[in-house]
Amino acid sequence: MQFNEFRQFISTFQEASTEDKIEMYCTSVNLTEEQYMQLLRTFPPGDIRKLEKALY
């Protein structure tokens, strides 16, 4: 994902509910590994298990 597009995406991601963050993370395409890592850094630590379940 291009830099400016990702900046908008991460801004929306940060404001989203946990459920919406999970949906955004699982359905996003064209993100680099670093961009996925940036999303994980902003994900609520207490809800990581929910994300893991959604991914598997």
PDB file of N, CA and C in Angstrom:
ATOM      1  N   MET A   1       0.860  -1.171   0.000  1.00  0.00           N
ATOM      2  CA  MET A   1       0.000   0.000   0.000  1.00  0.00           C
ATOM      3  C   MET A   1       0.905   1.233   0.000  1.00  0.00           C
ATOM      4  N   GLN A   2       0.541   2.206  -0.784  1.00  0.00           N
ATOM      5  CA  GLN A   2       1.332   3.424  -0.879  1.00  0.00           C
ATOM      6  C   GLN A   2       1.326   4.186   0.450  1.00  0.00           C
ATOM      7  N   PHE A   3       2.356   4.981   0.669  1.00  0.00           N
ATOM      8  CA  PHE A   3       2.561   5.671   1.939  1.00  0.00           C
ATOM      9  C   PHE A   3       1.356   6.508   2.364  1.00  0.00           C
ATOM     10  N   ASN A   4       0.876   7.393   1.498  1.00  0.00           N
ATOM     11  CA  ASN A   4      -0.243   8.270   1.872  1.00  0.00           C
ATOM     12  C   ASN A   4      -1.521   7.486   2.114  1.00  0.00           C
ATOM     13  N   GLU A   5      -1.739   6.468   1.308  1.00  0.00           N
ATOM     14  CA  GLU A   5      -2.911   5.613   1.487  1.00  0.00           C
ATOM     15  C   GLU A   5      -2.830   4.889   2.834  1.00  0.00           C
ATOM     16  N   PHE A   6      -1.634   4.413   3.177  1.00  0.00           N
ATOM     17  CA  PHE A   6      -1.462   3.714   4.446  1.00  0.00           C
ATOM     18  C   PHE A   6      -1.631   4.663   5.629  1.00  0.00           C
ATOM     19  N   ARG A   7      -1.163   5.887   5.501  1.00  0.00           N
ATOM     20  CA  ARG A   7      -1.348   6.860   6.591  1.00  0.00           C
ATOM     21  C   ARG A   7      -2.829   7.045   6.897  1.00  0.00           C
ATOM     22  N   GLN A   8      -3.656   7.150   5.876  1.00  0.00           N
ATOM     23  CA  GLN A   8      -5.099   7.277   6.070  1.00  0.00           C
ATOM     24  C   GLN A   8      -5.668   5.994   6.673  1.00  0.00           C
ATOM     25  N   PHE A   9      -5.203   4.862   6.166  1.00  0.00           N
ATOM     26  CA  PHE A   9      -5.682   3.570   6.649  1.00  0.00           C
ATOM     27  C   PHE A   9      -5.369   3.397   8.132  1.00  0.00           C
ATOM     28  N   ILE A  10      -4.147   3.695   8.542  1.00  0.00           N
ATOM     29  CA  ILE A  10      -3.766   3.495   9.940  1.00  0.00           C
ATOM     30  C   ILE A  10      -4.497   4.478  10.846  1.00  0.00           C
ATOM     31  N   SER A  11      -4.781   5.656  10.349  1.00  0.00           N
ATOM     32  CA  SER A  11      -5.560   6.621  11.125  1.00  0.00           C
ATOM     33  C   SER A  11      -6.962   6.074  11.387  1.00  0.00           C
ATOM     34  N   THR A  12      -7.582   5.530  10.366  1.00  0.00           N
ATOM     35  CA  THR A  12      -8.905   4.912  10.516  1.00  0.00           C
ATOM     36  C   THR A  12      -8.818   3.707  11.440  1.00  0.00           C
ATOM     37  N   PHE A  13      -7.769   2.910  11.277  1.00  0.00           N
ATOM     38  CA  PHE A  13      -7.561   1.715  12.092  1.00  0.00           C
ATOM     39  C   PHE A  13      -7.465   2.076  13.571  1.00  0.00           C
ATOM     40  N   GLN A  14      -6.722   3.109  13.886  1.00  0.00           N
ATOM     41  CA  GLN A  14      -6.528   3.509  15.280  1.00  0.00           C
ATOM     42  C   GLN A  14      -7.830   3.947  15.934  1.00  0.00           C
ATOM     43  N   GLU A  15      -8.744   4.511  15.179  1.00  0.00           N
ATOM     44  CA  GLU A  15     -10.014   4.999  15.715  1.00  0.00           C
ATOM     45  C   GLU A  15     -11.094   3.920  15.755  1.00  0.00           C
ATOM     46  N   ALA A  16     -10.857   2.794  15.105  1.00  0.00           N
ATOM     47  CA  ALA A  16     -11.862   1.742  14.976  1.00  0.00           C
ATOM     48  C   ALA A  16     -12.023   0.951  16.271  1.00  0.00           C
ATOM     49  N   SER A  17     -13.170   0.295  16.397  1.00  0.00           N
ATOM     50  CA  SER A  17     -13.403  -0.621  17.517  1.00  0.00           C
ATOM     51  C   SER A  17     -12.511  -1.846  17.326  1.00  0.00           C
ATOM     52  N   THR A  18     -12.371  -2.638  18.364  1.00  0.00           N
ATOM     53  CA  THR A  18     -11.545  -3.845  18.267  1.00  0.00           C
ATOM     54  C   THR A  18     -12.059  -4.764  17.170  1.00  0.00           C
ATOM     55  N   GLU A  19     -13.367  -4.949  17.101  1.00  0.00           N
ATOM     56  CA  GLU A  19     -13.940  -5.823  16.077  1.00  0.00           C
ATOM     57  C   GLU A  19     -13.644  -5.291  14.675  1.00  0.00           C
ATOM     58  N   ASP A  20     -13.749  -3.983  14.501  1.00  0.00           N
ATOM     59  CA  ASP A  20     -13.449  -3.388  13.200  1.00  0.00           C
ATOM     60  C   ASP A  20     -11.960  -3.483  12.875  1.00  0.00           C
ATOM     61  N   LYS A  21     -11.108  -3.344  13.882  1.00  0.00           N
ATOM     62  CA  LYS A  21      -9.665  -3.495  13.662  1.00  0.00           C
ATOM     63  C   LYS A  21      -9.351  -4.905  13.179  1.00  0.00           C
ATOM     64  N   ILE A  22      -9.989  -5.884  13.800  1.00  0.00           N
ATOM     65  CA  ILE A  22      -9.777  -7.276  13.397  1.00  0.00           C
ATOM     66  C   ILE A  22     -10.207  -7.466  11.947  1.00  0.00           C
ATOM     67  N   GLU A  23     -11.370  -6.948  11.598  1.00  0.00           N
ATOM     68  CA  GLU A  23     -11.868  -7.055  10.221  1.00  0.00           C
ATOM     69  C   GLU A  23     -10.907  -6.374   9.241  1.00  0.00           C
ATOM     70  N   MET A  24     -10.461  -5.187   9.582  1.00  0.00           N
ATOM     71  CA  MET A  24      -9.540  -4.455   8.710  1.00  0.00           C
ATOM     72  C   MET A  24      -8.220  -5.206   8.550  1.00  0.00           C
ATOM     73  N   TYR A  25      -7.696  -5.731   9.648  1.00  0.00           N
ATOM     74  CA  TYR A  25      -6.417  -6.434   9.616  1.00  0.00           C
ATOM     75  C   TYR A  25      -6.523  -7.697   8.758  1.00  0.00           C
ATOM     76  N   CYS A  26      -7.607  -8.434   8.936  1.00  0.00           N
ATOM     77  CA  CYS A  26      -7.761  -9.717   8.246  1.00  0.00           C
ATOM     78  C   CYS A  26      -8.096  -9.576   6.764  1.00  0.00           C
ATOM     79  N   THR A  27      -8.687  -8.475   6.370  1.00  0.00           N
ATOM     80  CA  THR A  27      -9.136  -8.341   4.984  1.00  0.00           C
ATOM     81  C   THR A  27      -8.291  -7.381   4.152  1.00  0.00           C
ATOM     82  N   SER A  28      -7.306  -6.768   4.741  1.00  0.00           N
ATOM     83  CA  SER A  28      -6.467  -5.820   4.005  1.00  0.00           C
ATOM     84  C   SER A  28      -5.595  -6.550   2.995  1.00  0.00           C
ATOM     85  N   VAL A  29      -5.420  -5.919   1.854  1.00  0.00           N
ATOM     86  CA  VAL A  29      -4.554  -6.492   0.817  1.00  0.00           C
ATOM     87  C   VAL A  29      -3.487  -5.468   0.452  1.00  0.00           C
ATOM     88  N   ASN A  30      -2.420  -5.963  -0.104  1.00  0.00           N
ATOM     89  CA  ASN A  30      -1.315  -5.121  -0.583  1.00  0.00           C
ATOM     90  C   ASN A  30      -0.570  -4.383   0.523  1.00  0.00           C
ATOM     91  N   LEU A  31      -0.611  -4.892   1.738  1.00  0.00           N
ATOM     92  CA  LEU A  31       0.191  -4.304   2.809  1.00  0.00           C
ATOM     93  C   LEU A  31       1.549  -4.990   2.828  1.00  0.00           C
ATOM     94  N   THR A  32       2.560  -4.246   3.182  1.00  0.00           N
ATOM     95  CA  THR A  32       3.886  -4.836   3.348  1.00  0.00           C
ATOM     96  C   THR A  32       3.965  -5.464   4.740  1.00  0.00           C
ATOM     97  N   GLU A  33       4.990  -6.245   4.946  1.00  0.00           N
ATOM     98  CA  GLU A  33       5.208  -6.839   6.264  1.00  0.00           C
ATOM     99  C   GLU A  33       5.344  -5.744   7.321  1.00  0.00           C
ATOM    100  N   GLU A  34       6.063  -4.695   7.002  1.00  0.00           N
ATOM    101  CA  GLU A  34       6.248  -3.584   7.940  1.00  0.00           C
ATOM    102  C   GLU A  34       4.919  -2.897   8.249  1.00  0.00           C
ATOM    103  N   GLN A  35       4.062  -2.759   7.263  1.00  0.00           N
ATOM    104  CA  GLN A  35       2.762  -2.132   7.501  1.00  0.00           C
ATOM    105  C   GLN A  35       1.902  -2.999   8.419  1.00  0.00           C
ATOM    106  N   TYR A  36       1.927  -4.312   8.216  1.00  0.00           N
ATOM    107  CA  TYR A  36       1.207  -5.203   9.138  1.00  0.00           C
ATOM    108  C   TYR A  36       1.762  -5.066  10.557  1.00  0.00           C
ATOM    109  N   MET A  37       3.072  -4.955  10.666  1.00  0.00           N
ATOM    110  CA  MET A  37       3.689  -4.794  11.985  1.00  0.00           C
ATOM    111  C   MET A  37       3.259  -3.480  12.636  1.00  0.00           C
ATOM    112  N   GLN A  38       3.155  -2.419  11.856  1.00  0.00           N
ATOM    113  CA  GLN A  38       2.693  -1.141  12.403  1.00  0.00           C
ATOM    114  C   GLN A  38       1.268  -1.267  12.930  1.00  0.00           C
ATOM    115  N   LEU A  39       0.427  -1.991  12.224  1.00  0.00           N
ATOM    116  CA  LEU A  39      -0.938  -2.202  12.700  1.00  0.00           C
ATOM    117  C   LEU A  39      -0.930  -2.970  14.020  1.00  0.00           C
ATOM    118  N   LEU A  40      -0.095  -3.987  14.098  1.00  0.00           N
ATOM    119  CA  LEU A  40      -0.017  -4.764  15.342  1.00  0.00           C
ATOM    120  C   LEU A  40       0.446  -3.913  16.518  1.00  0.00           C
ATOM    121  N   ARG A  41       1.335  -2.977  16.269  1.00  0.00           N
ATOM    122  CA  ARG A  41       1.825  -2.109  17.349  1.00  0.00           C
ATOM    123  C   ARG A  41       0.721  -1.223  17.909  1.00  0.00           C
ATOM    124  N   THR A  42      -0.300  -0.940  17.118  1.00  0.00           N
ATOM    125  CA  THR A  42      -1.395  -0.091  17.593  1.00  0.00           C
ATOM    126  C   THR A  42      -2.583  -0.913  18.075  1.00  0.00           C
ATOM    127  N   PHE A  43      -2.501  -2.233  17.952  1.00  0.00           N
ATOM    128  CA  PHE A  43      -3.604  -3.102  18.366  1.00  0.00           C
ATOM    129  C   PHE A  43      -3.609  -3.234  19.886  1.00  0.00           C
ATOM    130  N   PRO A  44      -4.792  -3.219  20.513  1.00  0.00           N
ATOM    131  CA  PRO A  44      -4.859  -3.344  21.978  1.00  0.00           C
ATOM    132  C   PRO A  44      -4.255  -4.675  22.448  1.00  0.00           C
ATOM    133  N   PRO A  45      -3.233  -4.643  23.283  1.00  0.00           N
ATOM    134  CA  PRO A  45      -2.566  -5.873  23.722  1.00  0.00           C
ATOM    135  C   PRO A  45      -3.513  -6.893  24.352  1.00  0.00           C
ATOM    136  N   GLY A  46      -4.513  -6.420  25.054  1.00  0.00           N
ATOM    137  CA  GLY A  46      -5.446  -7.338  25.706  1.00  0.00           C
ATOM    138  C   GLY A  46      -6.358  -8.079  24.746  1.00  0.00           C
ATOM    139  N   ASP A  47      -6.381  -7.662  23.496  1.00  0.00           N
ATOM    140  CA  ASP A  47      -7.269  -8.282  22.508  1.00  0.00           C
ATOM    141  C   ASP A  47      -6.528  -9.065  21.429  1.00  0.00           C
ATOM    142  N   ILE A  48      -5.251  -9.298  21.626  1.00  0.00           N
ATOM    143  CA  ILE A  48      -4.454 -10.027  20.630  1.00  0.00           C
ATOM    144  C   ILE A  48      -5.016 -11.425  20.396  1.00  0.00           C
ATOM    145  N   ARG A  49      -5.509 -12.078  21.435  1.00  0.00           N
ATOM    146  CA  ARG A  49      -6.074 -13.429  21.283  1.00  0.00           C
ATOM    147  C   ARG A  49      -7.249 -13.424  20.308  1.00  0.00           C
ATOM    148  N   LYS A  50      -8.076 -12.378  20.360  1.00  0.00           N
ATOM    149  CA  LYS A  50      -9.206 -12.270  19.427  1.00  0.00           C
ATOM    150  C   LYS A  50      -8.703 -12.190  17.991  1.00  0.00           C
ATOM    151  N   LEU A  51      -7.646 -11.437  17.782  1.00  0.00           N
ATOM    152  CA  LEU A  51      -7.066 -11.323  16.445  1.00  0.00           C
ATOM    153  C   LEU A  51      -6.491 -12.667  16.005  1.00  0.00           C
ATOM    154  N   GLU A  52      -5.793 -13.340  16.895  1.00  0.00           N
ATOM    155  CA  GLU A  52      -5.224 -14.648  16.566  1.00  0.00           C
ATOM    156  C   GLU A  52      -6.314 -15.626  16.152  1.00  0.00           C
ATOM    157  N   LYS A  53      -7.423 -15.647  16.887  1.00  0.00           N
ATOM    158  CA  LYS A  53      -8.532 -16.552  16.549  1.00  0.00           C
ATOM    159  C   LYS A  53      -9.106 -16.218  15.182  1.00  0.00           C
ATOM    160  N   ALA A  54      -9.223 -14.945  14.874  1.00  0.00           N
ATOM    161  CA  ALA A  54      -9.773 -14.534  13.578  1.00  0.00           C
ATOM    162  C   ALA A  54      -8.852 -14.930  12.426  1.00  0.00           C
ATOM    163  N   LEU A  55      -7.559 -14.939  12.680  1.00  0.00           N
ATOM    164  CA  LEU A  55      -6.602 -15.279  11.633  1.00  0.00           C
ATOM    165  C   LEU A  55      -6.536 -16.779  11.363  1.00  0.00           C
ATOM    166  N   TYR A  56      -6.931 -17.588  12.344  1.00  0.00           N
ATOM    167  CA  TYR A  56      -6.861 -19.045  12.179  1.00  0.00           C
ATOM    168  C   TYR A  56      -8.209 -19.620  12.192  1.00  0.00           C
TER     169      TYR A  56
END
